[in-house]
Amino acid sequence: MTAAERLDIAHHFAGLEDPRDERFVTHPLGEVLTVALCAMLSGADSFGDIAAFGRAKEGWLRSLGLALPGGVPSHDTFRDVFRHLSPAAFGDCFAAWVEACCGRLGLGHVRVDGKSLRGSRGPAGTCLHLVSAWAGGLTLAQVAVEDKSNEITAIPRLLELLALEGAVVSIDAIGCQKDIAGQIIGQGGDYVLQVKDNQPRLYEDVLDCVTRHLEQQDTPPCSVEVDRGHGRTERRTYWVVNGPEGIRDEALWPGLGAVCFVVR
């Protein structure tokens, strides 16, 4: 296994600066982070939970190769370490580790979306809004913005954090921007972008393309799904038009190869 293929947490966080005074370090930083990340992936949501996880799983953690020279760190140690770590540097290391895991698992679909965090509203009435990228249930990276309207500027910064070679990136209508499409293609990926009337010219052309396809071709759908839940039954029928014609600004949308549409 080459260094680029290594998946151990300590390897990917080796370049993270330890904020502690080395004279008083009892627990190696890599081991503190390994225990913390394993605990959080197992559902821990507080420093007390992380320490409890470490104590309960000490034998398993040692079997992974952790020396734990000072035993399992206390909740105070976890709190102090994360309190002083650089969030940006930690985020870079975390993204590199998750990308390595996704590469090993062959996860090629990256979804980008923005959400406002419940319970984060402050005195001014604003709340924390995060634009996130995830694949296979794993969050790859996040960028905080002031509100949903700023997602357009946040998405390019988020994509810069990701290795998109061979990936398919899907984004809702707010990310349907020529520059974003070009960035994804430039980073070696492909895109699926939702088109709404925030791109009126493209929306008109896609609608005309879809109408011609339904009127002129007896083409069966490529997929049909039926879901039952939330008090209703929903049937979704999918069509794909390869090499769509009539897209007036096609040259401005690099990599445009097909139009997909759904009847619900």
Protein backbone atom coordinates (compact mmCIF):
# COMPACT_ATOMS: atom_id res chain seq x y z
CA MET A 1 0.00 0.00 0.00
CA THR A 2 1.43 3.37 -1.02
CA ALA A 3 1.33 6.46 1.15
CA ALA A 4 -1.41 7.92 -1.07
CA GLU A 5 -3.59 4.86 -0.39
CA ARG A 6 -3.21 4.88 3.39
CA LEU A 7 -6.47 5.30 5.26
CA ASP A 8 -5.30 5.58 8.88
CA ILE A 9 -6.38 8.80 10.57
CA ALA A 10 -2.99 9.54 12.14
CA HIS A 11 -1.34 9.52 8.70
CA HIS A 12 -3.70 12.10 7.22
CA PHE A 13 -3.49 14.34 10.31
CA ALA A 14 0.30 14.06 10.67
CA GLY A 15 0.83 17.56 9.30
CA LEU A 16 -1.61 19.18 11.74
CA GLU A 17 0.18 21.43 14.22
CA ASP A 18 -0.19 20.38 17.85
CA PRO A 19 -1.26 23.51 19.79
CA ARG A 20 -0.09 22.11 23.15
CA ASP A 21 3.17 22.81 24.96
CA GLU A 22 5.29 19.75 24.17
CA ARG A 23 6.61 19.69 27.75
CA PHE A 24 3.18 18.71 29.03
CA VAL A 25 2.00 16.38 26.27
CA THR A 26 0.98 12.95 27.58
CA HIS A 27 -1.27 11.82 24.71
CA PRO A 28 0.04 12.00 21.10
CA LEU A 29 -2.11 14.27 18.94
CA GLY A 30 -2.69 11.58 16.31
CA GLU A 31 -4.09 9.21 18.93
CA VAL A 32 -6.32 11.89 20.46
CA LEU A 33 -7.80 12.61 17.02
CA THR A 34 -8.19 8.93 16.17
CA VAL A 35 -10.15 8.21 19.33
CA ALA A 36 -12.27 11.34 18.87
CA LEU A 37 -13.15 10.66 15.24
CA CYS A 38 -13.96 7.00 15.89
CA ALA A 39 -16.19 8.06 18.76
CA MET A 40 -18.01 10.69 16.74
CA LEU A 41 -18.56 8.27 13.86
CA SER A 42 -20.13 5.97 16.46
CA GLY A 43 -22.57 8.64 17.62
CA ALA A 44 -20.70 10.53 20.35
CA ASP A 45 -21.73 14.18 20.50
CA SER A 46 -19.87 15.52 23.53
CA PHE A 47 -16.35 15.35 24.97
CA GLY A 48 -17.69 13.23 27.81
CA ASP A 49 -19.12 10.78 25.26
CA ILE A 50 -15.79 10.65 23.44
CA ALA A 51 -13.87 9.84 26.63
CA ALA A 52 -16.46 7.19 27.59
CA PHE A 53 -16.16 5.62 24.15
CA GLY A 54 -12.38 5.49 24.51
CA ARG A 55 -12.57 3.75 27.87
CA ALA A 56 -15.15 1.23 26.63
CA LYS A 57 -13.19 0.46 23.44
CA GLU A 58 -9.63 0.70 24.78
CA GLY A 59 -8.78 -2.89 23.83
CA TRP A 60 -10.10 -2.41 20.30
CA LEU A 61 -8.24 0.90 19.91
CA ARG A 62 -4.98 -0.75 20.94
CA SER A 63 -5.63 -3.50 18.39
CA LEU A 64 -5.64 -0.78 15.73
CA GLY A 65 -2.07 0.09 16.70
CA LEU A 66 -2.67 2.93 19.17
CA ALA A 67 -0.08 2.86 21.96
CA LEU A 68 -2.10 5.06 24.37
CA PRO A 69 0.98 5.64 26.56
CA GLY A 70 -1.01 7.72 29.00
CA GLY A 71 -4.16 5.60 28.76
CA VAL A 72 -7.34 6.96 27.26
CA PRO A 73 -7.43 10.79 27.36
CA SER A 74 -9.95 12.44 29.67
CA HIS A 75 -12.81 14.60 28.44
CA ASP A 76 -10.81 17.68 29.51
CA THR A 77 -7.96 16.66 27.21
CA PHE A 78 -10.28 16.24 24.23
CA ARG A 79 -11.93 19.59 24.97
CA ASP A 80 -8.62 21.46 25.31
CA VAL A 81 -7.14 19.95 22.14
CA PHE A 82 -10.14 20.77 19.93
CA ARG A 83 -10.53 24.16 21.53
CA HIS A 84 -7.08 25.23 20.32
CA LEU A 85 -6.81 23.42 16.97
CA SER A 86 -6.97 25.49 13.79
CA PRO A 87 -10.44 24.77 12.31
CA ALA A 88 -9.24 25.41 8.75
CA ALA A 89 -6.18 23.15 9.11
CA PHE A 90 -8.26 20.43 10.76
CA GLY A 91 -10.83 20.71 7.96
CA ASP A 92 -8.15 20.26 5.29
CA CYS A 93 -6.80 17.12 6.98
CA PHE A 94 -10.28 15.74 7.53
CA ALA A 95 -11.24 16.31 3.88
CA ALA A 96 -8.08 14.51 2.72
CA TRP A 97 -8.88 11.52 4.95
CA VAL A 98 -12.50 11.31 3.80
CA GLU A 99 -11.47 11.59 0.15
CA ALA A 100 -9.08 8.69 0.63
CA CYS A 101 -11.88 6.63 2.18
CA CYS A 102 -14.27 7.53 -0.65
CA GLY A 103 -11.63 6.61 -3.21
CA ARG A 104 -11.19 3.19 -1.62
CA LEU A 105 -14.97 2.66 -1.51
CA GLY A 106 -15.44 3.86 -5.08
CA LEU A 107 -17.94 6.59 -4.13
CA GLY A 108 -18.24 8.68 -7.27
CA HIS A 109 -21.38 10.76 -6.57
CA VAL A 110 -20.81 14.00 -4.65
CA ARG A 111 -23.92 15.89 -3.55
CA VAL A 112 -23.76 19.59 -2.71
CA ASP A 113 -26.49 21.33 -0.73
CA GLY A 114 -26.99 24.10 1.81
CA LYS A 115 -28.86 23.85 5.10
CA SER A 116 -29.57 26.21 7.98
CA LEU A 117 -28.75 24.62 11.33
CA ARG A 118 -31.65 24.27 13.71
CA GLY A 119 -31.10 26.02 17.03
CA SER A 120 -28.29 28.25 15.74
CA ARG A 121 -30.33 31.46 15.41
CA GLY A 122 -28.68 34.35 17.23
CA PRO A 123 -29.95 37.62 18.75
CA ALA A 124 -29.84 39.35 15.35
CA GLY A 125 -32.17 36.75 13.87
CA THR A 126 -29.49 35.14 11.70
CA CYS A 127 -28.52 31.50 11.91
CA LEU A 128 -25.61 29.35 10.81
CA HIS A 129 -25.99 28.24 7.18
CA LEU A 130 -23.65 25.52 5.91
CA VAL A 131 -22.97 24.45 2.35
CA SER A 132 -21.87 20.83 2.48
CA ALA A 133 -20.59 18.19 0.11
CA TRP A 134 -21.14 14.55 0.95
CA ALA A 135 -20.87 11.10 -0.64
CA GLY A 136 -22.14 7.76 0.60
CA GLY A 137 -23.35 9.32 3.85
CA LEU A 138 -19.95 10.90 4.59
CA THR A 139 -19.59 14.67 4.80
CA LEU A 140 -16.56 15.60 2.70
CA ALA A 141 -16.34 19.33 3.39
CA GLN A 142 -18.38 22.29 4.63
CA VAL A 143 -18.29 26.06 4.14
CA ALA A 144 -20.23 28.44 6.39
CA VAL A 145 -22.12 31.36 4.80
CA GLU A 146 -24.30 34.15 6.17
CA ASP A 147 -27.49 33.00 4.43
CA LYS A 148 -28.78 30.95 1.52
CA SER A 149 -28.26 33.78 -0.99
CA ASN A 150 -24.49 33.44 -0.50
CA GLU A 151 -24.40 29.80 -1.56
CA ILE A 152 -23.43 30.84 -5.09
CA THR A 153 -20.12 32.25 -3.83
CA ALA A 154 -19.60 29.46 -1.29
CA ILE A 155 -19.99 26.52 -3.70
CA PRO A 156 -16.81 27.30 -5.69
CA ARG A 157 -14.83 27.53 -2.44
CA LEU A 158 -16.29 24.22 -1.34
CA LEU A 159 -15.44 22.51 -4.63
CA GLU A 160 -11.84 23.71 -4.37
CA LEU A 161 -11.47 21.54 -1.26
CA LEU A 162 -12.41 18.36 -3.12
CA ALA A 163 -10.67 16.00 -5.52
CA LEU A 164 -13.34 15.62 -8.21
CA GLU A 165 -11.46 13.49 -10.73
CA GLY A 166 -13.99 10.96 -12.05
CA ALA A 167 -16.80 12.16 -9.74
CA VAL A 168 -20.32 13.26 -10.61
CA VAL A 169 -21.37 16.39 -8.70
CA SER A 170 -25.08 17.13 -8.27
CA ILE A 171 -26.33 20.55 -7.11
CA ASP A 172 -29.78 22.12 -6.91
CA ALA A 173 -30.86 25.13 -8.95
CA ILE A 174 -28.92 27.74 -6.97
CA GLY A 175 -25.70 26.06 -8.16
CA CYS A 176 -26.78 26.06 -11.80
CA GLN A 177 -24.14 28.60 -12.84
CA LYS A 178 -21.83 28.60 -15.87
CA ASP A 179 -18.72 29.23 -13.75
CA ILE A 180 -19.59 26.38 -11.37
CA ALA A 181 -20.13 24.00 -14.28
CA GLY A 182 -16.79 25.06 -15.73
CA GLN A 183 -15.02 24.60 -12.40
CA ILE A 184 -16.35 21.04 -12.00
CA ILE A 185 -15.24 20.11 -15.51
CA GLY A 186 -11.89 21.81 -14.92
CA GLN A 187 -11.34 19.70 -11.80
CA GLY A 188 -11.95 16.50 -13.77
CA GLY A 189 -15.56 15.83 -12.74
CA ASP A 190 -19.00 15.85 -14.35
CA TYR A 191 -22.13 17.60 -13.17
CA VAL A 192 -25.89 17.20 -12.79
CA LEU A 193 -27.43 20.64 -12.25
CA GLN A 194 -31.10 21.39 -11.66
CA VAL A 195 -32.48 24.03 -14.03
CA LYS A 196 -35.13 26.49 -12.88
CA ASP A 197 -36.13 29.96 -14.01
CA ASN A 198 -33.17 31.57 -12.26
CA GLN A 199 -31.53 30.71 -15.60
CA PRO A 200 -34.46 31.85 -17.81
CA ARG A 201 -32.76 31.42 -21.21
CA LEU A 202 -31.46 27.94 -20.39
CA TYR A 203 -34.80 27.00 -18.78
CA GLU A 204 -36.71 27.96 -21.94
CA ASP A 205 -34.34 25.96 -24.15
CA VAL A 206 -34.49 22.88 -21.93
CA LEU A 207 -38.29 23.07 -21.78
CA ASP A 208 -38.47 23.28 -25.59
CA CYS A 209 -36.06 20.35 -25.89
CA VAL A 210 -38.14 18.24 -23.52
CA THR A 211 -41.39 19.15 -25.28
CA ARG A 212 -40.00 18.17 -28.70
CA HIS A 213 -38.71 14.91 -27.29
CA LEU A 214 -42.09 13.95 -25.84
CA GLU A 215 -44.03 15.02 -28.93
CA GLN A 216 -41.79 13.64 -31.66
CA GLN A 217 -40.27 10.46 -30.26
CA ASP A 218 -41.88 7.32 -28.96
CA THR A 219 -39.01 6.73 -26.56
CA PRO A 220 -39.57 4.66 -23.43
CA PRO A 221 -38.37 6.16 -20.14
CA CYS A 222 -34.97 5.09 -18.86
CA SER A 223 -36.27 4.50 -15.34
CA VAL A 224 -39.46 4.40 -13.28
CA GLU A 225 -39.62 4.57 -9.47
CA VAL A 226 -42.56 4.24 -7.11
CA ASP A 227 -42.30 5.36 -3.48
CA ARG A 228 -44.89 5.14 -0.75
CA GLY A 229 -44.60 7.27 2.36
CA HIS A 230 -45.69 10.46 4.11
CA GLY A 231 -49.31 9.65 3.34
CA ARG A 232 -48.92 9.43 -0.41
CA THR A 233 -47.74 7.28 -3.30
CA GLU A 234 -45.37 8.98 -5.74
CA ARG A 235 -44.42 7.66 -9.16
CA ARG A 236 -41.41 9.22 -10.90
CA THR A 237 -40.64 8.57 -14.56
CA TYR A 238 -37.23 9.60 -15.93
CA TRP A 239 -36.15 10.43 -19.49
CA VAL A 240 -32.72 11.43 -20.82
CA VAL A 241 -32.11 13.37 -24.05
CA ASN A 242 -28.53 12.82 -25.16
CA GLY A 243 -26.94 15.49 -27.34
CA PRO A 244 -29.78 17.99 -26.80
CA GLU A 245 -30.46 20.43 -29.64
CA GLY A 246 -31.57 24.03 -29.43
CA ILE A 247 -29.51 25.06 -26.37
CA ARG A 248 -28.57 28.55 -27.54
CA ASP A 249 -25.79 29.05 -24.98
CA GLU A 250 -24.46 25.49 -25.14
CA ALA A 251 -20.88 26.73 -25.64
CA LEU A 252 -21.09 28.55 -22.28
CA TRP A 253 -21.97 25.32 -20.42
CA PRO A 254 -18.80 23.20 -20.73
CA GLY A 255 -19.36 19.46 -20.74
CA LEU A 256 -23.10 19.71 -21.44
CA GLY A 257 -23.99 16.32 -22.91
CA ALA A 258 -27.57 15.52 -21.94
CA VAL A 259 -30.82 16.85 -20.53
CA CYS A 260 -32.64 14.75 -17.95
CA PHE A 261 -36.23 15.33 -16.87
CA VAL A 262 -38.67 13.76 -14.48
CA VAL A 263 -42.46 13.45 -14.54
CA ARG A 264 -43.91 13.01 -11.05
